[in-house]
C-alpha cells in the first residue's frame, strides 16, 4: 500500500466527510499534516471562527495523519477519534490552519505491536490551530485504530 498523498486525502475528505465539505476544509500539506479553512464558511455570530470549526479541523488533521501513517505501514485499518480535549486560547479572525503532530516513534511502535497482537490500538495525536501565526486552539485526541475495519470508500482502498 502506498503512502497517501495530499490529493488522495483531499479527495476522500471532499467525497466522504460532509462537514469537511461544508466547512471548506483543505488538506494544505502532509509534512506536517495541515488542514486549512476559510473564515467565511466558519463564521459565528461574533465574526470569528466557530469553535466547532476549529475543533473539526484539528480532529480531522489528527485522523488524516494516522490514516496516512496506516497507508505507509500497509496496515488496513479504520481510524476514529475516541476521546479528546480542546483548549481555545484566542479568537480566529481570519482563515486558520490545523497542524497535527505525529506521535513519537515509541508510541507508533507500541501502536504497531498492539495492531499485530490484537488488531486494535490507540494512540494520542496533538494539533495546534493557528490564525495569522497566532495560536488559537490546542487539541489532543486519542484515536482508535482497528485493523481490517475500513469504511466503504476509505482512502486505504
Protein backbone atom coordinates (compact mmCIF):
# COMPACT_ATOMS: atom_id res chain seq x y z
CA UNK A 1 0.00 0.00 0.00
CA UNK A 2 1.43 3.39 -0.98
CA UNK A 3 1.71 6.35 1.35
CA UNK A 4 -1.33 8.56 0.81
CA UNK A 5 -0.59 11.89 -0.80
CA UNK A 6 -2.30 15.24 -0.28
CA UNK A 7 -4.61 14.81 -3.26
CA UNK A 8 -5.84 11.37 -2.12
CA UNK A 9 -6.63 12.67 1.37
CA UNK A 10 -8.36 15.75 -0.08
CA UNK A 11 -10.46 13.62 -2.44
CA UNK A 12 -11.63 11.46 0.47
CA UNK A 13 -12.46 14.45 2.69
CA UNK A 14 -14.40 16.09 -0.13
CA UNK A 15 -16.29 12.96 -1.21
CA UNK A 16 -16.98 11.24 2.12
CA UNK A 17 -16.94 13.72 5.01
CA UNK A 18 -19.81 16.16 4.58
CA UNK A 19 -18.75 18.57 7.37
CA UNK A 20 -15.31 18.91 5.76
CA UNK A 21 -17.02 19.95 2.52
CA UNK A 22 -19.37 22.35 4.28
CA UNK A 23 -16.56 23.98 6.27
CA UNK A 24 -14.33 24.31 3.19
CA UNK A 25 -11.53 22.26 4.77
CA UNK A 26 -8.50 21.69 2.55
CA UNK A 27 -5.51 19.41 3.04
CA UNK A 28 -2.83 22.08 2.72
CA UNK A 29 0.12 19.77 3.34
CA UNK A 30 1.17 16.36 4.58
CA UNK A 31 4.59 17.08 6.14
CA UNK A 32 3.37 18.16 8.66
CA UNK A 33 -0.28 17.20 8.16
CA UNK A 34 -2.07 20.54 7.78
CA UNK A 35 -5.77 21.27 7.28
CA UNK A 36 -6.64 24.83 6.21
CA UNK A 37 -10.04 26.53 6.38
CA UNK A 38 -11.53 29.79 5.16
CA UNK A 39 -13.10 32.13 7.68
CA UNK A 40 -16.24 32.87 5.62
CA UNK A 41 -17.60 29.31 5.80
CA UNK A 42 -16.87 29.10 9.55
CA UNK A 43 -18.14 32.39 10.99
CA UNK A 44 -20.00 32.59 14.26
CA UNK A 45 -22.24 35.42 15.48
CA UNK A 46 -19.18 37.37 16.74
CA UNK A 47 -17.46 37.47 13.34
CA UNK A 48 -14.78 34.98 14.38
CA UNK A 49 -14.35 31.30 13.57
CA UNK A 50 -16.88 29.00 15.21
CA UNK A 51 -15.21 26.89 17.92
CA UNK A 52 -16.69 23.72 16.41
CA UNK A 53 -15.00 24.52 13.11
CA UNK A 54 -11.61 24.91 14.81
CA UNK A 55 -12.19 21.61 16.61
CA UNK A 56 -13.27 19.85 13.38
CA UNK A 57 -10.15 20.99 11.53
CA UNK A 58 -7.91 19.76 14.36
CA UNK A 59 -9.72 16.42 14.76
CA UNK A 60 -9.58 15.78 11.00
CA UNK A 61 -5.89 16.69 10.89
CA UNK A 62 -5.21 14.00 13.51
CA UNK A 63 -7.39 11.49 11.65
CA UNK A 64 -5.65 12.24 8.34
CA UNK A 65 -2.20 11.93 9.92
CA UNK A 66 -2.97 8.46 11.30
CA UNK A 67 -4.80 7.33 8.17
CA UNK A 68 -1.73 8.34 6.17
CA UNK A 69 0.57 6.52 8.62
CA UNK A 70 -1.53 3.34 8.26
CA UNK A 71 -1.23 3.53 4.48
CA UNK A 72 2.53 3.92 4.69
CA UNK A 73 2.78 0.91 7.01
CA UNK A 74 0.47 -1.17 4.75
CA UNK A 75 -1.99 -1.50 7.63
CA UNK A 76 -5.59 -1.98 6.51
CA UNK A 77 -7.38 -0.14 9.34
CA UNK A 78 -10.12 2.23 10.32
CA UNK A 79 -9.14 5.30 12.35
CA UNK A 80 -11.65 7.00 14.65
CA UNK A 81 -11.42 9.68 17.32
CA UNK A 82 -12.07 8.09 20.71
CA UNK A 83 -11.53 10.92 23.20
CA UNK A 84 -10.24 14.48 23.05
CA UNK A 85 -9.66 17.79 24.75
CA UNK A 86 -9.53 21.25 23.25
CA UNK A 87 -8.29 24.50 24.74
CA UNK A 88 -9.34 27.67 22.98
CA UNK A 89 -6.84 30.44 23.64
CA UNK A 90 -7.70 33.25 21.19
CA UNK A 91 -10.32 34.10 18.58
CA UNK A 92 -9.64 33.30 14.92
CA UNK A 93 -10.44 36.40 12.85
CA UNK A 94 -9.04 35.16 9.51
CA UNK A 95 -8.51 31.84 7.69
CA UNK A 96 -6.98 29.25 10.01
CA UNK A 97 -4.82 26.11 9.86
CA UNK A 98 -4.70 22.99 11.99
CA UNK A 99 -1.32 21.25 12.12
CA UNK A 100 -1.20 17.72 13.55
CA UNK A 101 1.98 16.47 15.17
CA UNK A 102 2.91 12.83 14.68
CA UNK A 103 3.17 10.68 17.79
CA UNK A 104 6.70 9.79 18.83
CA UNK A 105 8.48 6.76 17.38
CA UNK A 106 7.96 4.77 20.60
CA UNK A 107 4.21 5.46 20.55
CA UNK A 108 3.93 4.42 16.91
CA UNK A 109 5.91 1.25 17.60
CA UNK A 110 3.58 0.46 20.51
CA UNK A 111 0.58 1.00 18.20
CA UNK A 112 2.17 -1.28 15.58
CA UNK A 113 2.64 -4.02 18.23
CA UNK A 114 -0.93 -3.65 19.52
CA UNK A 115 -2.33 -3.92 15.99
CA UNK A 116 -0.22 -7.02 15.29
CA UNK A 117 -1.25 -8.65 18.57
CA UNK A 118 -4.95 -7.81 18.86
CA UNK A 119 -5.95 -5.96 15.70
CA UNK A 120 -6.69 -2.78 17.65
CA UNK A 121 -4.81 0.00 19.28
CA UNK A 122 -4.98 3.56 20.48
CA UNK A 123 -2.58 6.46 20.10
CA UNK A 124 -2.57 10.14 21.02
CA UNK A 125 -2.16 12.90 18.45
CA UNK A 126 -1.87 16.60 19.21
CA UNK A 127 -2.68 19.50 16.94
CA UNK A 128 -2.45 23.25 17.08
CA UNK A 129 -4.76 25.61 15.25
CA UNK A 130 -3.36 28.99 14.29
CA UNK A 131 -4.61 32.09 12.57
CA UNK A 132 -2.19 34.64 11.15
CA UNK A 133 0.66 32.87 13.03
CA UNK A 134 -1.23 33.22 16.36
CA UNK A 135 -2.15 30.08 18.30
CA UNK A 136 -5.95 29.96 18.71
CA UNK A 137 -6.53 26.38 19.91
CA UNK A 138 -4.65 23.35 21.27
CA UNK A 139 -6.11 19.89 20.62
CA UNK A 140 -5.22 16.48 21.96
CA UNK A 141 -7.02 13.38 20.77
CA UNK A 142 -6.85 9.67 21.46
CA UNK A 143 -7.55 7.83 18.22
CA UNK A 144 -8.65 4.21 17.98
CA UNK A 145 -7.10 2.22 15.14
CA UNK A 146 -8.91 -1.01 14.24
CA UNK A 147 -7.29 -3.33 11.71
CA UNK A 148 -9.44 -4.71 8.90
CA UNK A 149 -12.39 -2.42 9.65
CA UNK A 150 -12.24 0.09 6.82
CA UNK A 151 -15.34 2.03 5.91
CA UNK A 152 -16.61 1.81 2.32
CA UNK A 153 -14.71 4.29 0.19
CA UNK A 154 -11.83 4.56 2.64
CA UNK A 155 -8.68 6.16 1.22
CA UNK A 156 -6.86 2.97 2.21
CA UNK A 157 -8.50 1.10 -0.64
